[in-house]
Amino acid sequence: MCYLLLIISDMVLYKLLNYHIVCPFPAAQIRFPAEVDPDLICC
C-alpha cells in the first residue's frame, strides 16, 4: 500500500511539473491534441 501511494504521489508531482513546463506553450499543445499523447498535455 505504501508503495502504491508513493507511485501515485510521484505521478501527481510529475504531472504538476509537466504542467508548469508546458504551461508557457499551451497553444502548441492544444492545436494538435490528436497527435500528442494526452498524458503529455496534462489536461
C-alpha atoms as a PDB file:
ATOM      1  CA  MET A   1       0.000   0.000   0.000  1.00  0.00           C
ATOM      2  CA  CYS A   2       2.800   2.414   0.841  1.00  0.00           C
ATOM      3  CA  TYR A   3       4.462   1.735  -2.492  1.00  0.00           C
ATOM      4  CA  LEU A   4       1.192   2.397  -4.298  1.00  0.00           C
ATOM      5  CA  LEU A   5       0.810   5.747  -2.536  1.00  0.00           C
ATOM      6  CA  LEU A   6       4.396   6.654  -3.410  1.00  0.00           C
ATOM      7  CA  ILE A   7       3.823   5.800  -7.062  1.00  0.00           C
ATOM      8  CA  ILE A   8       0.603   7.843  -7.149  1.00  0.00           C
ATOM      9  CA  SER A   9       2.261  10.835  -5.476  1.00  0.00           C
ATOM     10  CA  ASP A  10       5.194  10.600  -7.903  1.00  0.00           C
ATOM     11  CA  MET A  11       2.767  10.564 -10.832  1.00  0.00           C
ATOM     12  CA  VAL A  12       0.922  13.602  -9.454  1.00  0.00           C
ATOM     13  CA  LEU A  13       4.183  15.508  -8.958  1.00  0.00           C
ATOM     14  CA  TYR A  14       5.289  14.509 -12.468  1.00  0.00           C
ATOM     15  CA  LYS A  15       2.010  15.833 -13.906  1.00  0.00           C
ATOM     16  CA  LEU A  16       2.317  19.087 -11.954  1.00  0.00           C
ATOM     17  CA  LEU A  17       5.917  19.595 -13.069  1.00  0.00           C
ATOM     18  CA  ASN A  18       4.981  18.869 -16.671  1.00  0.00           C
ATOM     19  CA  TYR A  19       2.062  21.288 -16.417  1.00  0.00           C
ATOM     20  CA  HIS A  20       4.364  24.085 -15.280  1.00  0.00           C
ATOM     21  CA  ILE A  21       6.879  23.268 -18.023  1.00  0.00           C
ATOM     22  CA  VAL A  22       4.242  23.054 -20.761  1.00  0.00           C
ATOM     23  CA  CYS A  23       2.212  25.992 -19.478  1.00  0.00           C
ATOM     24  CA  PRO A  24       4.228  28.687 -21.341  1.00  0.00           C
ATOM     25  CA  PHE A  25       3.371  26.901 -24.595  1.00  0.00           C
ATOM     26  CA  PRO A  26      -0.306  25.927 -24.250  1.00  0.00           C
ATOM     27  CA  ALA A  27      -1.385  26.892 -27.781  1.00  0.00           C
ATOM     28  CA  ALA A  28       1.006  24.470 -29.474  1.00  0.00           C
ATOM     29  CA  GLN A  29      -0.202  21.648 -27.221  1.00  0.00           C
ATOM     30  CA  ILE A  30      -3.898  22.417 -27.736  1.00  0.00           C
ATOM     31  CA  ARG A  31      -3.658  22.846 -31.518  1.00  0.00           C
ATOM     32  CA  PHE A  32      -2.852  19.185 -32.249  1.00  0.00           C
ATOM     33  CA  PRO A  33      -4.191  17.113 -29.331  1.00  0.00           C
ATOM     34  CA  ALA A  34      -4.848  14.099 -31.585  1.00  0.00           C
ATOM     35  CA  GLU A  35      -1.160  13.577 -32.429  1.00  0.00           C
ATOM     36  CA  VAL A  36       0.056  14.184 -28.859  1.00  0.00           C
ATOM     37  CA  ASP A  37      -0.288  11.681 -26.040  1.00  0.00           C
ATOM     38  CA  PRO A  38      -2.963  13.004 -23.614  1.00  0.00           C
ATOM     39  CA  ASP A  39      -0.648  12.220 -20.701  1.00  0.00           C
ATOM     40  CA  LEU A  40       1.849  14.741 -22.077  1.00  0.00           C
ATOM     41  CA  ILE A  41      -0.758  17.506 -22.236  1.00  0.00           C
ATOM     42  CA  CYS A  42      -1.690  17.196 -18.542  1.00  0.00           C
ATOM     43  CA  CYS A  43      -5.300  18.180 -19.095  1.00  0.00           C
END
